[in-house]
Amino acid sequence: MNNPVRIAVIGAGAMGRNHIRFVQEEPEAELVAIADALRLPAR
């Protein structure tokens, strides 16, 4: 991975978790941050 696309996910609910999973499966992407208004889902 020379220059991965750096991605942050806003919202860690059901759709956010799907987005996180897709980013983690993509070799050209790097998950750099997860944010949510509620602390527990973002952990």
PDB file of N, CA and C in Angstrom:
ATOM      1  N   MET A   1       0.856  -1.169   0.000  1.00  0.00           N
ATOM      2  CA  MET A   1       0.000   0.000   0.000  1.00  0.00           C
ATOM      3  C   MET A   1       0.903   1.233   0.000  1.00  0.00           C
ATOM      4  N   ASN A   2       1.136   1.791  -1.186  1.00  0.00           N
ATOM      5  CA  ASN A   2       2.021   2.948  -1.303  1.00  0.00           C
ATOM      6  C   ASN A   2       1.395   4.219  -0.759  1.00  0.00           C
ATOM      7  N   ASN A   3       0.295   4.643  -1.331  1.00  0.00           N
ATOM      8  CA  ASN A   3      -0.410   5.845  -0.898  1.00  0.00           C
ATOM      9  C   ASN A   3      -1.877   5.509  -0.687  1.00  0.00           C
ATOM     10  N   PRO A   4      -2.208   4.932   0.456  1.00  0.00           N
ATOM     11  CA  PRO A   4      -3.603   4.535   0.671  1.00  0.00           C
ATOM     12  C   PRO A   4      -4.513   5.752   0.789  1.00  0.00           C
ATOM     13  N   VAL A   5      -5.757   5.567   0.410  1.00  0.00           N
ATOM     14  CA  VAL A   5      -6.769   6.593   0.636  1.00  0.00           C
ATOM     15  C   VAL A   5      -7.085   6.553   2.121  1.00  0.00           C
ATOM     16  N   ARG A   6      -6.944   7.678   2.789  1.00  0.00           N
ATOM     17  CA  ARG A   6      -7.199   7.744   4.232  1.00  0.00           C
ATOM     18  C   ARG A   6      -8.653   8.133   4.446  1.00  0.00           C
ATOM     19  N   ILE A   7      -9.365   7.329   5.242  1.00  0.00           N
ATOM     20  CA  ILE A   7     -10.806   7.504   5.397  1.00  0.00           C
ATOM     21  C   ILE A   7     -11.171   7.619   6.870  1.00  0.00           C
ATOM     22  N   ALA A   8     -12.073   8.561   7.165  1.00  0.00           N
ATOM     23  CA  ALA A   8     -12.668   8.694   8.494  1.00  0.00           C
ATOM     24  C   ALA A   8     -14.154   8.395   8.350  1.00  0.00           C
ATOM     25  N   VAL A   9     -14.711   7.691   9.316  1.00  0.00           N
ATOM     26  CA  VAL A   9     -16.134   7.364   9.303  1.00  0.00           C
ATOM     27  C   VAL A   9     -16.818   8.183  10.389  1.00  0.00           C
ATOM     28  N   ILE A  10     -17.855   8.919  10.000  1.00  0.00           N
ATOM     29  CA  ILE A  10     -18.647   9.703  10.940  1.00  0.00           C
ATOM     30  C   ILE A  10     -19.943   8.935  11.175  1.00  0.00           C
ATOM     31  N   GLY A  11     -20.133   8.481  12.393  1.00  0.00           N
ATOM     32  CA  GLY A  11     -21.307   7.685  12.740  1.00  0.00           C
ATOM     33  C   GLY A  11     -20.927   6.220  12.842  1.00  0.00           C
ATOM     34  N   ALA A  12     -21.113   5.633  13.997  1.00  0.00           N
ATOM     35  CA  ALA A  12     -20.720   4.245  14.221  1.00  0.00           C
ATOM     36  C   ALA A  12     -21.927   3.359  14.495  1.00  0.00           C
ATOM     37  N   GLY A  13     -23.084   3.768  13.965  1.00  0.00           N
ATOM     38  CA  GLY A  13     -24.281   2.932  14.091  1.00  0.00           C
ATOM     39  C   GLY A  13     -24.217   1.792  13.090  1.00  0.00           C
ATOM     40  N   ALA A  14     -25.364   1.252  12.723  1.00  0.00           N
ATOM     41  CA  ALA A  14     -25.418   0.091  11.830  1.00  0.00           C
ATOM     42  C   ALA A  14     -24.752   0.380  10.488  1.00  0.00           C
ATOM     43  N   MET A  15     -25.081   1.486   9.857  1.00  0.00           N
ATOM     44  CA  MET A  15     -24.479   1.809   8.559  1.00  0.00           C
ATOM     45  C   MET A  15     -22.996   2.134   8.720  1.00  0.00           C
ATOM     46  N   GLY A  16     -22.650   2.830   9.773  1.00  0.00           N
ATOM     47  CA  GLY A  16     -21.244   3.144  10.017  1.00  0.00           C
ATOM     48  C   GLY A  16     -20.402   1.891  10.163  1.00  0.00           C
ATOM     49  N   ARG A  17     -20.927   0.893  10.865  1.00  0.00           N
ATOM     50  CA  ARG A  17     -20.195  -0.373  11.019  1.00  0.00           C
ATOM     51  C   ARG A  17     -19.999  -1.055   9.670  1.00  0.00           C
ATOM     52  N   ASN A  18     -21.003  -0.974   8.798  1.00  0.00           N
ATOM     53  CA  ASN A  18     -20.841  -1.529   7.451  1.00  0.00           C
ATOM     54  C   ASN A  18     -19.752  -0.790   6.690  1.00  0.00           C
ATOM     55  N   HIS A  19     -19.755   0.535   6.768  1.00  0.00           N
ATOM     56  CA  HIS A  19     -18.725   1.321   6.085  1.00  0.00           C
ATOM     57  C   HIS A  19     -17.335   0.963   6.620  1.00  0.00           C
ATOM     58  N   ILE A  20     -17.220   0.816   7.929  1.00  0.00           N
ATOM     59  CA  ILE A  20     -15.936   0.461   8.546  1.00  0.00           C
ATOM     60  C   ILE A  20     -15.453  -0.887   8.022  1.00  0.00           C
ATOM     61  N   ARG A  21     -16.350  -1.849   7.959  1.00  0.00           N
ATOM     62  CA  ARG A  21     -15.981  -3.185   7.466  1.00  0.00           C
ATOM     63  C   ARG A  21     -15.501  -3.112   6.014  1.00  0.00           C
ATOM     64  N   PHE A  22     -16.207  -2.360   5.177  1.00  0.00           N
ATOM     65  CA  PHE A  22     -15.806  -2.240   3.775  1.00  0.00           C
ATOM     66  C   PHE A  22     -14.440  -1.571   3.645  1.00  0.00           C
ATOM     67  N   VAL A  23     -14.197  -0.537   4.448  1.00  0.00           N
ATOM     68  CA  VAL A  23     -12.896   0.145   4.397  1.00  0.00           C
ATOM     69  C   VAL A  23     -11.790  -0.816   4.817  1.00  0.00           C
ATOM     70  N   GLN A  24     -12.020  -1.593   5.866  1.00  0.00           N
ATOM     71  CA  GLN A  24     -11.002  -2.526   6.342  1.00  0.00           C
ATOM     72  C   GLN A  24     -10.698  -3.618   5.322  1.00  0.00           C
ATOM     73  N   GLU A  25     -11.665  -3.963   4.495  1.00  0.00           N
ATOM     74  CA  GLU A  25     -11.467  -4.998   3.479  1.00  0.00           C
ATOM     75  C   GLU A  25     -10.791  -4.466   2.216  1.00  0.00           C
ATOM     76  N   GLU A  26     -10.728  -3.157   2.066  1.00  0.00           N
ATOM     77  CA  GLU A  26     -10.163  -2.544   0.858  1.00  0.00           C
ATOM     78  C   GLU A  26      -8.659  -2.322   1.035  1.00  0.00           C
ATOM     79  N   PRO A  27      -7.824  -2.999   0.245  1.00  0.00           N
ATOM     80  CA  PRO A  27      -6.373  -2.869   0.420  1.00  0.00           C
ATOM     81  C   PRO A  27      -5.825  -1.478   0.076  1.00  0.00           C
ATOM     82  N   GLU A  28      -6.566  -0.688  -0.680  1.00  0.00           N
ATOM     83  CA  GLU A  28      -6.107   0.652  -1.066  1.00  0.00           C
ATOM     84  C   GLU A  28      -6.570   1.730  -0.087  1.00  0.00           C
ATOM     85  N   ALA A  29      -7.203   1.339   1.016  1.00  0.00           N
ATOM     86  CA  ALA A  29      -7.752   2.306   1.965  1.00  0.00           C
ATOM     87  C   ALA A  29      -7.190   2.078   3.360  1.00  0.00           C
ATOM     88  N   GLU A  30      -7.142   3.156   4.120  1.00  0.00           N
ATOM     89  CA  GLU A  30      -6.687   3.101   5.515  1.00  0.00           C
ATOM     90  C   GLU A  30      -7.711   3.830   6.383  1.00  0.00           C
ATOM     91  N   LEU A  31      -8.274   3.134   7.354  1.00  0.00           N
ATOM     92  CA  LEU A  31      -9.218   3.744   8.284  1.00  0.00           C
ATOM     93  C   LEU A  31      -8.416   4.506   9.331  1.00  0.00           C
ATOM     94  N   VAL A  32      -8.609   5.825   9.396  1.00  0.00           N
ATOM     95  CA  VAL A  32      -7.795   6.639  10.297  1.00  0.00           C
ATOM     96  C   VAL A  32      -8.580   7.202  11.479  1.00  0.00           C
ATOM     97  N   ALA A  33      -9.925   7.229  11.381  1.00  0.00           N
ATOM     98  CA  ALA A  33     -10.710   7.777  12.491  1.00  0.00           C
ATOM     99  C   ALA A  33     -12.149   7.296  12.411  1.00  0.00           C
ATOM    100  N   ILE A  34     -12.756   7.174  13.585  1.00  0.00           N
ATOM    101  CA  ILE A  34     -14.180   6.872  13.707  1.00  0.00           C
ATOM    102  C   ILE A  34     -14.737   7.857  14.724  1.00  0.00           C
ATOM    103  N   ALA A  35     -15.826   8.534  14.374  1.00  0.00           N
ATOM    104  CA  ALA A  35     -16.436   9.497  15.292  1.00  0.00           C
ATOM    105  C   ALA A  35     -17.930   9.219  15.395  1.00  0.00           C
ATOM    106  N   ASP A  36     -18.473   9.428  16.576  1.00  0.00           N
ATOM    107  CA  ASP A  36     -19.903   9.266  16.802  1.00  0.00           C
ATOM    108  C   ASP A  36     -20.294  10.197  17.939  1.00  0.00           C
ATOM    109  N   ALA A  37     -21.514  10.681  17.914  1.00  0.00           N
ATOM    110  CA  ALA A  37     -21.993  11.569  18.973  1.00  0.00           C
ATOM    111  C   ALA A  37     -22.056  10.849  20.315  1.00  0.00           C
ATOM    112  N   LEU A  38     -22.253   9.532  20.259  1.00  0.00           N
ATOM    113  CA  LEU A  38     -22.274   8.727  21.478  1.00  0.00           C
ATOM    114  C   LEU A  38     -20.938   8.021  21.632  1.00  0.00           C
ATOM    115  N   ARG A  39     -20.383   8.047  22.805  1.00  0.00           N
ATOM    116  CA  ARG A  39     -19.051   7.485  23.033  1.00  0.00           C
ATOM    117  C   ARG A  39     -18.999   5.971  22.809  1.00  0.00           C
ATOM    118  N   LEU A  40     -19.967   5.224  23.310  1.00  0.00           N
ATOM    119  CA  LEU A  40     -19.910   3.764  23.260  1.00  0.00           C
ATOM    120  C   LEU A  40     -19.820   3.202  21.835  1.00  0.00           C
ATOM    121  N   PRO A  41     -20.656   3.615  20.878  1.00  0.00           N
ATOM    122  CA  PRO A  41     -20.544   3.034  19.538  1.00  0.00           C
ATOM    123  C   PRO A  41     -19.195   3.300  18.870  1.00  0.00           C
ATOM    124  N   ALA A  42     -18.563   4.391  19.179  1.00  0.00           N
ATOM    125  CA  ALA A  42     -17.302   4.750  18.529  1.00  0.00           C
ATOM    126  C   ALA A  42     -16.114   3.976  19.080  1.00  0.00           C
ATOM    127  N   ARG A  43     -16.283   3.248  20.152  1.00  0.00           N
ATOM    128  CA  ARG A  43     -15.167   2.511  20.748  1.00  0.00           C
ATOM    129  C   ARG A  43     -14.840   1.338  19.967  1.00  0.00           C
TER     130      ARG A  43
END
